[in-house]
Amino acid sequence: MIKKYKLSINTGFAVNRFNNNEIFIDFVKNSLKLNYIQPTSDWLNMNLPDRYIFKNVKQLDKILNKYNVKVNSLFTGAFTRLNHLGHPDKDHQIYWVNWFKRFIDVGIDLGANHVGSHLGILSYQDNKQRKKLLKTRIIKNWHLIGEYASKKKIKSLIWEPMSIAREFGETLNECNKIHSLLNKKKYKFDLCLDVGHGDINSKDKSNYDPYKWLEKFSSESPVIHIKQVKKNNFAHLPFTKKNNKDGIIKPKKILDILKNNNNSDTELAFELSFKERDPIDKNLKKNIFETVQYWKKFLN
């Protein structure tokens, strides 16, 4: 396998399915044959008291060392897809600024180079003032977190461009503008591209073409969320034979773009989701295994 790419698995799917760290890491290392995970805030139980969080992280770190599995990045999860830094109440924003500082501390304890999230979400009402609130609320709060991350020696904070305006970064131009605003300070912000994101209502098809996003921004995206994508299907699909027939995500095409952009140290993180329905839930392990094997063929 090409050593320069870090093939990892985001733990979002593992919430409520794996609550024993050793069983999960054994699955990652000995069944999937992966050397990296991308822990999510939900899986790490980041909203429980600090005493529990750091006890859990200490135990997880020992298990990671035992199995020689590494953490390159941390990311927020589905349960953290909230207004957080975009909430109108100032006390609410302060809570989340401090929450992200704690998330950075956890990342450092686990050896992560990058910690990230979506930027924050505006309500329908607040979205009417989107341009103003982007600067006075979202960017301002992220700069507070960036200052903390810089002091803690995190390599960079990473943010994920989303698919609608009130979640930010939905088009190539919007992403570029926001990224420039974030990087006006001395703290380093990078991207976490997602091959399933982009504004499908845009007249410019480039805005929902994953390969256009990769061509333009992959050199600034040390982490990329990958999943299979079908037309008008917004699920986080595994790379099964059935899904790959009409899926638009082609590993070779992605790897060629990364090579052309001189991306030699990218984390390709499987961000998969599975409904709590059978046979989907029952076939989860088999489908993840098939996904990993499929990608490894292109990395050999």
C-alpha atoms as a PDB file:
ATOM      1  CA  MET A   1       0.000   0.000   0.000  1.00  0.00           C
ATOM      2  CA  ILE A   2       1.189   3.531  -0.768  1.00  0.00           C
ATOM      3  CA  LYS A   3       2.465   4.586   2.638  1.00  0.00           C
ATOM      4  CA  LYS A   4       2.014   8.318   2.148  1.00  0.00           C
ATOM      5  CA  TYR A   5      -1.792   8.163   2.287  1.00  0.00           C
ATOM      6  CA  LYS A   6      -3.374   7.635   5.678  1.00  0.00           C
ATOM      7  CA  LEU A   7      -6.421   5.450   5.167  1.00  0.00           C
ATOM      8  CA  SER A   8      -8.606   5.904   8.250  1.00  0.00           C
ATOM      9  CA  ILE A   9     -12.119   5.328   9.468  1.00  0.00           C
ATOM     10  CA  ASN A  10     -14.290   7.988  11.077  1.00  0.00           C
ATOM     11  CA  THR A  11     -15.963   6.602  14.200  1.00  0.00           C
ATOM     12  CA  GLY A  12     -19.367   8.197  13.600  1.00  0.00           C
ATOM     13  CA  PHE A  13     -20.944   4.866  12.667  1.00  0.00           C
ATOM     14  CA  ALA A  14     -19.548   3.247  15.831  1.00  0.00           C
ATOM     15  CA  VAL A  15     -21.619   5.307  18.291  1.00  0.00           C
ATOM     16  CA  ASN A  16     -23.987   2.905  20.108  1.00  0.00           C
ATOM     17  CA  ARG A  17     -22.447  -0.019  18.217  1.00  0.00           C
ATOM     18  CA  PHE A  18     -18.994  -0.152  19.835  1.00  0.00           C
ATOM     19  CA  ASN A  19     -18.760   1.143  23.404  1.00  0.00           C
ATOM     20  CA  ASN A  20     -15.736  -0.970  24.301  1.00  0.00           C
ATOM     21  CA  ASN A  21     -12.589   0.717  23.021  1.00  0.00           C
ATOM     22  CA  GLU A  22     -10.520  -2.438  22.752  1.00  0.00           C
ATOM     23  CA  ILE A  23     -13.150  -4.362  20.802  1.00  0.00           C
ATOM     24  CA  PHE A  24     -13.420  -1.477  18.339  1.00  0.00           C
ATOM     25  CA  ILE A  25      -9.676  -0.984  17.878  1.00  0.00           C
ATOM     26  CA  ASP A  26      -9.235  -4.738  17.444  1.00  0.00           C
ATOM     27  CA  PHE A  27     -11.873  -4.587  14.672  1.00  0.00           C
ATOM     28  CA  VAL A  28     -10.047  -1.688  12.994  1.00  0.00           C
ATOM     29  CA  LYS A  29      -6.588  -3.254  13.192  1.00  0.00           C
ATOM     30  CA  ASN A  30      -7.165  -6.990  12.823  1.00  0.00           C
ATOM     31  CA  SER A  31     -10.325  -7.136  10.696  1.00  0.00           C
ATOM     32  CA  LEU A  32     -10.058  -3.995   8.561  1.00  0.00           C
ATOM     33  CA  LYS A  33      -6.227  -3.863   8.607  1.00  0.00           C
ATOM     34  CA  LEU A  34      -6.274  -0.089   9.072  1.00  0.00           C
ATOM     35  CA  ASN A  35      -3.657   1.889  10.983  1.00  0.00           C
ATOM     36  CA  TYR A  36      -5.659   5.076  11.611  1.00  0.00           C
ATOM     37  CA  ILE A  37      -8.978   6.129  13.084  1.00  0.00           C
ATOM     38  CA  GLN A  38     -10.655   9.537  13.089  1.00  0.00           C
ATOM     39  CA  PRO A  39     -12.433   9.740  16.474  1.00  0.00           C
ATOM     40  CA  THR A  40     -15.612  11.799  16.569  1.00  0.00           C
ATOM     41  CA  SER A  41     -16.764  13.884  19.504  1.00  0.00           C
ATOM     42  CA  ASP A  42     -19.883  11.729  19.863  1.00  0.00           C
ATOM     43  CA  TRP A  43     -17.889   8.508  20.098  1.00  0.00           C
ATOM     44  CA  LEU A  44     -15.571  10.138  22.645  1.00  0.00           C
ATOM     45  CA  ASN A  45     -18.591  11.216  24.731  1.00  0.00           C
ATOM     46  CA  MET A  46     -17.414  14.824  24.767  1.00  0.00           C
ATOM     47  CA  ASN A  47     -20.531  16.111  26.517  1.00  0.00           C
ATOM     48  CA  LEU A  48     -19.991  14.017  29.632  1.00  0.00           C
ATOM     49  CA  PRO A  49     -18.083  15.457  32.641  1.00  0.00           C
ATOM     50  CA  ASP A  50     -14.370  16.121  32.159  1.00  0.00           C
ATOM     51  CA  ARG A  51     -13.439  13.408  34.644  1.00  0.00           C
ATOM     52  CA  TYR A  52     -15.051  10.760  32.457  1.00  0.00           C
ATOM     53  CA  ILE A  53     -13.786  12.218  29.166  1.00  0.00           C
ATOM     54  CA  PHE A  54     -10.145  12.172  30.165  1.00  0.00           C
ATOM     55  CA  LYS A  55     -10.409   8.776  31.895  1.00  0.00           C
ATOM     56  CA  ASN A  56     -11.834   7.382  28.644  1.00  0.00           C
ATOM     57  CA  VAL A  57      -9.182   9.113  26.524  1.00  0.00           C
ATOM     58  CA  LYS A  58      -6.368   7.814  28.731  1.00  0.00           C
ATOM     59  CA  GLN A  59      -7.677   4.271  28.375  1.00  0.00           C
ATOM     60  CA  LEU A  60      -8.171   4.684  24.610  1.00  0.00           C
ATOM     61  CA  ASP A  61      -4.626   6.007  24.198  1.00  0.00           C
ATOM     62  CA  LYS A  62      -3.201   2.896  25.871  1.00  0.00           C
ATOM     63  CA  ILE A  63      -5.211   0.646  23.563  1.00  0.00           C
ATOM     64  CA  LEU A  64      -4.164   2.620  20.474  1.00  0.00           C
ATOM     65  CA  ASN A  65      -0.526   2.169  21.484  1.00  0.00           C
ATOM     66  CA  LYS A  66      -1.048  -1.539  22.139  1.00  0.00           C
ATOM     67  CA  TYR A  67      -2.482  -2.110  18.646  1.00  0.00           C
ATOM     68  CA  ASN A  68      -0.273   0.480  16.931  1.00  0.00           C
ATOM     69  CA  VAL A  69      -3.274   2.440  15.651  1.00  0.00           C
ATOM     70  CA  LYS A  70      -2.814   6.203  15.278  1.00  0.00           C
ATOM     71  CA  VAL A  71      -4.965   9.322  15.355  1.00  0.00           C
ATOM     72  CA  ASN A  72      -4.163  12.041  12.823  1.00  0.00           C
ATOM     73  CA  SER A  73      -7.353  14.060  13.263  1.00  0.00           C
ATOM     74  CA  LEU A  74     -10.439  14.510  15.427  1.00  0.00           C
ATOM     75  CA  PHE A  75     -13.779  15.679  14.080  1.00  0.00           C
ATOM     76  CA  THR A  76     -17.227  16.511  15.391  1.00  0.00           C
ATOM     77  CA  GLY A  77     -20.006  14.011  14.759  1.00  0.00           C
ATOM     78  CA  ALA A  78     -23.657  13.857  13.781  1.00  0.00           C
ATOM     79  CA  PHE A  79     -24.816  14.669  17.332  1.00  0.00           C
ATOM     80  CA  THR A  80     -22.731  17.858  17.215  1.00  0.00           C
ATOM     81  CA  ARG A  81     -24.317  19.150  14.003  1.00  0.00           C
ATOM     82  CA  LEU A  82     -25.654  22.140  15.902  1.00  0.00           C
ATOM     83  CA  ASN A  83     -25.732  25.934  15.863  1.00  0.00           C
ATOM     84  CA  HIS A  84     -22.883  25.945  18.439  1.00  0.00           C
ATOM     85  CA  LEU A  85     -20.703  28.934  17.403  1.00  0.00           C
ATOM     86  CA  GLY A  86     -23.544  30.316  15.288  1.00  0.00           C
ATOM     87  CA  HIS A  87     -26.095  30.429  18.122  1.00  0.00           C
ATOM     88  CA  PRO A  88     -27.544  33.899  18.879  1.00  0.00           C
ATOM     89  CA  ASP A  89     -27.123  33.573  22.670  1.00  0.00           C
ATOM     90  CA  LYS A  90     -23.675  34.766  23.754  1.00  0.00           C
ATOM     91  CA  ASP A  91     -23.468  32.368  26.706  1.00  0.00           C
ATOM     92  CA  HIS A  92     -24.250  29.514  24.333  1.00  0.00           C
ATOM     93  CA  GLN A  93     -21.374  30.592  22.084  1.00  0.00           C
ATOM     94  CA  ILE A  94     -18.984  30.857  25.050  1.00  0.00           C
ATOM     95  CA  TYR A  95     -19.909  27.315  26.126  1.00  0.00           C
ATOM     96  CA  TRP A  96     -18.982  26.011  22.672  1.00  0.00           C
ATOM     97  CA  VAL A  97     -15.750  27.994  22.450  1.00  0.00           C
ATOM     98  CA  ASN A  98     -14.696  26.308  25.698  1.00  0.00           C
ATOM     99  CA  TRP A  99     -16.021  22.968  24.434  1.00  0.00           C
ATOM    100  CA  PHE A 100     -13.771  23.186  21.367  1.00  0.00           C
ATOM    101  CA  LYS A 101     -10.785  24.064  23.551  1.00  0.00           C
ATOM    102  CA  ARG A 102     -11.428  20.862  25.495  1.00  0.00           C
ATOM    103  CA  PHE A 103     -11.762  18.969  22.203  1.00  0.00           C
ATOM    104  CA  ILE A 104      -8.328  20.289  21.216  1.00  0.00           C
ATOM    105  CA  ASP A 105      -6.916  19.066  24.551  1.00  0.00           C
ATOM    106  CA  VAL A 106      -8.310  15.600  23.809  1.00  0.00           C
ATOM    107  CA  GLY A 107      -6.786  15.731  20.331  1.00  0.00           C
ATOM    108  CA  ILE A 108      -3.372  16.517  21.798  1.00  0.00           C
ATOM    109  CA  ASP A 109      -3.679  13.621  24.269  1.00  0.00           C
ATOM    110  CA  LEU A 110      -4.410  11.257  21.363  1.00  0.00           C
ATOM    111  CA  GLY A 111      -1.583  12.597  19.170  1.00  0.00           C
ATOM    112  CA  ALA A 112      -3.771  14.352  16.597  1.00  0.00           C
ATOM    113  CA  ASN A 113      -2.316  16.886  14.174  1.00  0.00           C
ATOM    114  CA  HIS A 114      -5.694  18.341  13.213  1.00  0.00           C
ATOM    115  CA  VAL A 115      -8.992  19.013  15.009  1.00  0.00           C
ATOM    116  CA  GLY A 116     -12.106  20.081  13.176  1.00  0.00           C
ATOM    117  CA  SER A 117     -15.801  20.609  12.629  1.00  0.00           C
ATOM    118  CA  HIS A 118     -18.328  22.372  10.452  1.00  0.00           C
ATOM    119  CA  LEU A 119     -18.164  26.111  11.224  1.00  0.00           C
ATOM    120  CA  GLY A 120     -21.552  26.431  12.895  1.00  0.00           C
ATOM    121  CA  ILE A 121     -25.143  26.657  11.685  1.00  0.00           C
ATOM    122  CA  LEU A 122     -27.482  29.644  11.443  1.00  0.00           C
ATOM    123  CA  SER A 123     -31.214  29.396  12.081  1.00  0.00           C
ATOM    124  CA  TYR A 124     -33.626  30.368   9.299  1.00  0.00           C
ATOM    125  CA  GLN A 125     -34.086  33.731  11.018  1.00  0.00           C
ATOM    126  CA  ASP A 126     -30.379  34.427  11.524  1.00  0.00           C
ATOM    127  CA  ASN A 127     -29.587  33.373   7.962  1.00  0.00           C
ATOM    128  CA  LYS A 128     -31.216  36.618   6.797  1.00  0.00           C
ATOM    129  CA  GLN A 129     -28.128  38.364   8.240  1.00  0.00           C
ATOM    130  CA  ARG A 130     -25.710  35.687   7.080  1.00  0.00           C
ATOM    131  CA  LYS A 131     -22.910  37.948   5.794  1.00  0.00           C
ATOM    132  CA  LYS A 132     -22.862  40.061   8.933  1.00  0.00           C
ATOM    133  CA  LEU A 133     -23.070  37.114  11.345  1.00  0.00           C
ATOM    134  CA  LEU A 134     -20.381  35.186   9.497  1.00  0.00           C
ATOM    135  CA  LYS A 135     -17.842  37.829  10.519  1.00  0.00           C
ATOM    136  CA  THR A 136     -19.221  38.997  13.865  1.00  0.00           C
ATOM    137  CA  ARG A 137     -20.146  35.586  15.235  1.00  0.00           C
ATOM    138  CA  ILE A 138     -18.720  32.592  13.357  1.00  0.00           C
ATOM    139  CA  ILE A 139     -15.270  33.854  12.313  1.00  0.00           C
ATOM    140  CA  LYS A 140     -14.779  35.768  15.561  1.00  0.00           C
ATOM    141  CA  ASN A 141     -15.422  32.653  17.652  1.00  0.00           C
ATOM    142  CA  TRP A 142     -13.206  30.460  15.483  1.00  0.00           C
ATOM    143  CA  HIS A 143     -10.367  32.928  15.891  1.00  0.00           C
ATOM    144  CA  LEU A 144     -10.677  32.570  19.671  1.00  0.00           C
ATOM    145  CA  ILE A 145     -10.372  28.804  19.248  1.00  0.00           C
ATOM    146  CA  GLY A 146      -7.557  29.246  16.722  1.00  0.00           C
ATOM    147  CA  GLU A 147      -5.536  31.258  19.213  1.00  0.00           C
ATOM    148  CA  TYR A 148      -5.877  28.436  21.751  1.00  0.00           C
ATOM    149  CA  ALA A 149      -5.005  25.779  19.148  1.00  0.00           C
ATOM    150  CA  SER A 150      -1.900  27.712  18.169  1.00  0.00           C
ATOM    151  CA  LYS A 151      -0.691  27.864  21.769  1.00  0.00           C
ATOM    152  CA  LYS A 152      -1.311  24.141  22.123  1.00  0.00           C
ATOM    153  CA  LYS A 153       0.761  23.434  18.971  1.00  0.00           C
ATOM    154  CA  ILE A 154      -2.014  21.777  16.967  1.00  0.00           C
ATOM    155  CA  LYS A 155      -0.814  21.702  13.348  1.00  0.00           C
ATOM    156  CA  SER A 156      -4.089  23.178  12.079  1.00  0.00           C
ATOM    157  CA  LEU A 157      -7.782  23.479  12.729  1.00  0.00           C
ATOM    158  CA  ILE A 158      -9.822  22.007   9.880  1.00  0.00           C
ATOM    159  CA  TRP A 159     -13.305  23.081   8.782  1.00  0.00           C
ATOM    160  CA  GLU A 160     -15.711  21.278   6.489  1.00  0.00           C
ATOM    161  CA  PRO A 161     -17.451  23.122   3.622  1.00  0.00           C
ATOM    162  CA  MET A 162     -21.121  22.153   3.740  1.00  0.00           C
ATOM    163  CA  SER A 163     -23.997  22.080   1.225  1.00  0.00           C
ATOM    164  CA  ILE A 164     -26.331  24.960   2.137  1.00  0.00           C
ATOM    165  CA  ALA A 165     -25.654  28.640   2.814  1.00  0.00           C
ATOM    166  CA  ARG A 166     -26.674  28.658   6.484  1.00  0.00           C
ATOM    167  CA  GLU A 167     -24.113  25.899   7.175  1.00  0.00           C
ATOM    168  CA  PHE A 168     -21.385  27.773   5.227  1.00  0.00           C
ATOM    169  CA  GLY A 169     -18.932  27.005   2.440  1.00  0.00           C
ATOM    170  CA  GLU A 170     -21.519  25.539   0.073  1.00  0.00           C
ATOM    171  CA  THR A 171     -19.946  26.809  -3.175  1.00  0.00           C
ATOM    172  CA  LEU A 172     -16.370  27.029  -4.386  1.00  0.00           C
ATOM    173  CA  ASN A 173     -16.419  30.832  -4.133  1.00  0.00           C
ATOM    174  CA  GLU A 174     -18.003  30.898  -0.672  1.00  0.00           C
ATOM    175  CA  CYS A 175     -15.518  28.339   0.579  1.00  0.00           C
ATOM    176  CA  ASN A 176     -12.634  30.405  -0.757  1.00  0.00           C
ATOM    177  CA  LYS A 177     -13.948  33.635   0.828  1.00  0.00           C
ATOM    178  CA  ILE A 178     -14.501  32.037   4.236  1.00  0.00           C
ATOM    179  CA  HIS A 179     -11.145  30.278   4.146  1.00  0.00           C
ATOM    180  CA  SER A 180      -9.437  33.613   3.468  1.00  0.00           C
ATOM    181  CA  LEU A 181     -11.265  35.240   6.404  1.00  0.00           C
ATOM    182  CA  LEU A 182     -10.288  32.422   8.763  1.00  0.00           C
ATOM    183  CA  ASN A 183      -6.642  32.674   7.749  1.00  0.00           C
ATOM    184  CA  LYS A 184      -6.353  36.446   8.205  1.00  0.00           C
ATOM    185  CA  LYS A 185      -4.934  35.782  11.652  1.00  0.00           C
ATOM    186  CA  LYS A 186      -1.672  33.956  12.316  1.00  0.00           C
ATOM    187  CA  TYR A 187      -3.441  30.721  13.307  1.00  0.00           C
ATOM    188  CA  LYS A 188      -3.552  27.970  10.705  1.00  0.00           C
ATOM    189  CA  PHE A 189      -6.883  26.830   9.277  1.00  0.00           C
ATOM    190  CA  ASP A 190      -7.128  24.044   6.710  1.00  0.00           C
ATOM    191  CA  LEU A 191     -10.060  22.284   5.080  1.00  0.00           C
ATOM    192  CA  CYS A 192     -11.664  18.909   5.528  1.00  0.00           C
ATOM    193  CA  LEU A 193     -13.223  18.328   2.126  1.00  0.00           C
ATOM    194  CA  ASP A 194     -16.170  15.969   1.812  1.00  0.00           C
ATOM    195  CA  VAL A 195     -16.806  14.281  -1.542  1.00  0.00           C
ATOM    196  CA  GLY A 196     -20.561  14.301  -0.896  1.00  0.00           C
ATOM    197  CA  HIS A 197     -20.976  18.030  -0.188  1.00  0.00           C
ATOM    198  CA  GLY A 198     -21.735  21.072  -2.352  1.00  0.00           C
ATOM    199  CA  ASP A 199     -24.734  23.178  -3.378  1.00  0.00           C
ATOM    200  CA  ILE A 200     -26.918  21.068  -5.699  1.00  0.00           C
ATOM    201  CA  ASN A 201     -29.141  24.107  -6.371  1.00  0.00           C
ATOM    202  CA  SER A 202     -26.264  26.038  -7.896  1.00  0.00           C
ATOM    203  CA  LYS A 203     -26.464  26.908 -11.602  1.00  0.00           C
ATOM    204  CA  ASP A 204     -22.751  26.169 -11.760  1.00  0.00           C
ATOM    205  CA  LYS A 205     -22.384  22.371 -11.727  1.00  0.00           C
ATOM    206  CA  SER A 206     -18.826  22.735 -10.443  1.00  0.00           C
ATOM    207  CA  ASN A 207     -20.268  23.576  -7.033  1.00  0.00           C
ATOM    208  CA  TYR A 208     -21.494  20.000  -6.554  1.00  0.00           C
ATOM    209  CA  ASP A 209     -18.805  18.209  -8.545  1.00  0.00           C
ATOM    210  CA  PRO A 210     -16.508  16.481  -6.006  1.00  0.00           C
ATOM    211  CA  TYR A 211     -13.613  16.459  -8.467  1.00  0.00           C
ATOM    212  CA  LYS A 212     -13.784  20.234  -9.009  1.00  0.00           C
ATOM    213  CA  TRP A 213     -13.618  20.706  -5.239  1.00  0.00           C
ATOM    214  CA  LEU A 214     -10.628  18.391  -5.020  1.00  0.00           C
ATOM    215  CA  GLU A 215      -8.840  20.103  -7.901  1.00  0.00           C
ATOM    216  CA  LYS A 216      -9.269  23.528  -6.323  1.00  0.00           C
ATOM    217  CA  PHE A 217      -8.828  22.812  -2.626  1.00  0.00           C
ATOM    218  CA  SER A 218      -7.218  19.424  -1.965  1.00  0.00           C
ATOM    219  CA  SER A 219      -3.795  21.023  -1.478  1.00  0.00           C
ATOM    220  CA  GLU A 220      -5.330  22.801   1.547  1.00  0.00           C
ATOM    221  CA  SER A 221      -7.181  19.727   2.797  1.00  0.00           C
ATOM    222  CA  PRO A 222      -4.974  17.399   4.870  1.00  0.00           C
ATOM    223  CA  VAL A 223      -8.092  15.339   5.624  1.00  0.00           C
ATOM    224  CA  ILE A 224     -10.781  14.277   3.129  1.00  0.00           C
ATOM    225  CA  HIS A 225     -14.039  12.553   4.053  1.00  0.00           C
ATOM    226  CA  ILE A 226     -14.802   9.812   1.559  1.00  0.00           C
ATOM    227  CA  LYS A 227     -17.901   7.757   0.932  1.00  0.00           C
ATOM    228  CA  GLN A 228     -19.727   6.516  -2.112  1.00  0.00           C
ATOM    229  CA  VAL A 229     -22.112   9.075  -3.610  1.00  0.00           C
ATOM    230  CA  LYS A 230     -25.068   8.482  -5.888  1.00  0.00           C
ATOM    231  CA  LYS A 231     -27.112  11.082  -7.747  1.00  0.00           C
ATOM    232  CA  ASN A 232     -29.754  12.592  -5.442  1.00  0.00           C
ATOM    233  CA  ASN A 233     -28.700  10.266  -2.621  1.00  0.00           C
ATOM    234  CA  PHE A 234     -27.228  11.997   0.424  1.00  0.00           C
ATOM    235  CA  ALA A 235     -26.497   8.935   2.529  1.00  0.00           C
ATOM    236  CA  HIS A 236     -22.927   8.161   3.583  1.00  0.00           C
ATOM    237  CA  LEU A 237     -22.706   4.989   1.525  1.00  0.00           C
ATOM    238  CA  PRO A 238     -20.070   2.234   1.753  1.00  0.00           C
ATOM    239  CA  PHE A 239     -18.122   1.227  -1.351  1.00  0.00           C
ATOM    240  CA  THR A 240     -19.927  -2.029  -2.025  1.00  0.00           C
ATOM    241  CA  LYS A 241     -20.122  -3.662  -5.440  1.00  0.00           C
ATOM    242  CA  LYS A 242     -23.779  -2.667  -5.682  1.00  0.00           C
ATOM    243  CA  ASN A 243     -23.153   0.984  -4.716  1.00  0.00           C
ATOM    244  CA  ASN A 244     -20.102   1.289  -6.949  1.00  0.00           C
ATOM    245  CA  LYS A 245     -22.110   0.407 -10.082  1.00  0.00           C
ATOM    246  CA  ASP A 246     -23.818   3.790 -10.180  1.00  0.00           C
ATOM    247  CA  GLY A 247     -21.698   5.669  -7.633  1.00  0.00           C
ATOM    248  CA  ILE A 248     -19.752   8.710  -8.851  1.00  0.00           C
ATOM    249  CA  ILE A 249     -16.749   8.392  -6.524  1.00  0.00           C
ATOM    250  CA  LYS A 250     -13.846   6.699  -8.276  1.00  0.00           C
ATOM    251  CA  PRO A 251     -10.727   6.123  -6.131  1.00  0.00           C
ATOM    252  CA  LYS A 252      -8.293   6.351  -9.061  1.00  0.00           C
ATOM    253  CA  LYS A 253      -9.713   9.703 -10.112  1.00  0.00           C
ATOM    254  CA  ILE A 254      -9.351  11.064  -6.570  1.00  0.00           C
ATOM    255  CA  LEU A 255      -5.793   9.747  -6.218  1.00  0.00           C
ATOM    256  CA  ASP A 256      -4.790  11.230  -9.582  1.00  0.00           C
ATOM    257  CA  ILE A 257      -5.994  14.683  -8.475  1.00  0.00           C
ATOM    258  CA  LEU A 258      -4.115  14.384  -5.180  1.00  0.00           C
ATOM    259  CA  LYS A 259      -0.979  13.411  -7.071  1.00  0.00           C
ATOM    260  CA  ASN A 260      -1.343  16.354  -9.473  1.00  0.00           C
ATOM    261  CA  ASN A 261      -1.777  18.706  -6.498  1.00  0.00           C
ATOM    262  CA  ASN A 262       1.273  17.224  -4.758  1.00  0.00           C
ATOM    263  CA  ASN A 263      -0.794  15.908  -1.861  1.00  0.00           C
ATOM    264  CA  SER A 264       1.617  13.415  -0.384  1.00  0.00           C
ATOM    265  CA  ASP A 265       0.358  13.186   3.187  1.00  0.00           C
ATOM    266  CA  THR A 266      -3.441  13.126   3.005  1.00  0.00           C
ATOM    267  CA  GLU A 267      -5.768  11.354   5.423  1.00  0.00           C
ATOM    268  CA  LEU A 268      -8.561   9.643   3.497  1.00  0.00           C
ATOM    269  CA  ALA A 269     -11.193   9.064   6.163  1.00  0.00           C
ATOM    270  CA  PHE A 270     -14.127   6.765   5.476  1.00  0.00           C
ATOM    271  CA  GLU A 271     -17.154   8.674   6.812  1.00  0.00           C
ATOM    272  CA  LEU A 272     -19.888   6.053   6.586  1.00  0.00           C
ATOM    273  CA  SER A 273     -23.398   5.903   7.986  1.00  0.00           C
ATOM    274  CA  PHE A 274     -25.751   2.981   8.436  1.00  0.00           C
ATOM    275  CA  LYS A 275     -29.464   3.000   9.235  1.00  0.00           C
ATOM    276  CA  GLU A 276     -30.577   1.153  12.345  1.00  0.00           C
ATOM    277  CA  ARG A 277     -32.523  -1.251  10.189  1.00  0.00           C
ATOM    278  CA  ASP A 278     -31.809  -4.787   9.071  1.00  0.00           C
ATOM    279  CA  PRO A 279     -30.272  -6.010   6.869  1.00  0.00           C
ATOM    280  CA  ILE A 280     -28.268  -2.717   6.862  1.00  0.00           C
ATOM    281  CA  ASP A 281     -27.225  -2.933  10.509  1.00  0.00           C
ATOM    282  CA  LYS A 282     -26.560  -6.665  10.311  1.00  0.00           C
ATOM    283  CA  ASN A 283     -24.318  -6.244   7.231  1.00  0.00           C
ATOM    284  CA  LEU A 284     -22.370  -3.265   8.590  1.00  0.00           C
ATOM    285  CA  LYS A 285     -19.066  -5.031   9.310  1.00  0.00           C
ATOM    286  CA  LYS A 286     -19.125  -6.859   5.982  1.00  0.00           C
ATOM    287  CA  ASN A 287     -19.823  -3.640   4.055  1.00  0.00           C
ATOM    288  CA  ILE A 288     -17.051  -1.725   5.815  1.00  0.00           C
ATOM    289  CA  PHE A 289     -14.619  -4.565   5.125  1.00  0.00           C
ATOM    290  CA  GLU A 290     -15.618  -4.515   1.431  1.00  0.00           C
ATOM    291  CA  THR A 291     -15.138  -0.727   1.391  1.00  0.00           C
ATOM    292  CA  VAL A 292     -11.608  -0.911   2.790  1.00  0.00           C
ATOM    293  CA  GLN A 293     -10.604  -3.773   0.461  1.00  0.00           C
ATOM    294  CA  TYR A 294     -11.919  -1.866  -2.543  1.00  0.00           C
ATOM    295  CA  TRP A 295      -9.823   1.214  -1.752  1.00  0.00           C
ATOM    296  CA  LYS A 296      -6.710  -0.776  -0.934  1.00  0.00           C
ATOM    297  CA  LYS A 297      -6.699  -2.139  -4.492  1.00  0.00           C
ATOM    298  CA  PHE A 298      -6.011   1.391  -5.722  1.00  0.00           C
ATOM    299  CA  LEU A 299      -3.393   2.111  -3.074  1.00  0.00           C
ATOM    300  CA  ASN A 300      -1.196  -0.948  -3.715  1.00  0.00           C
END
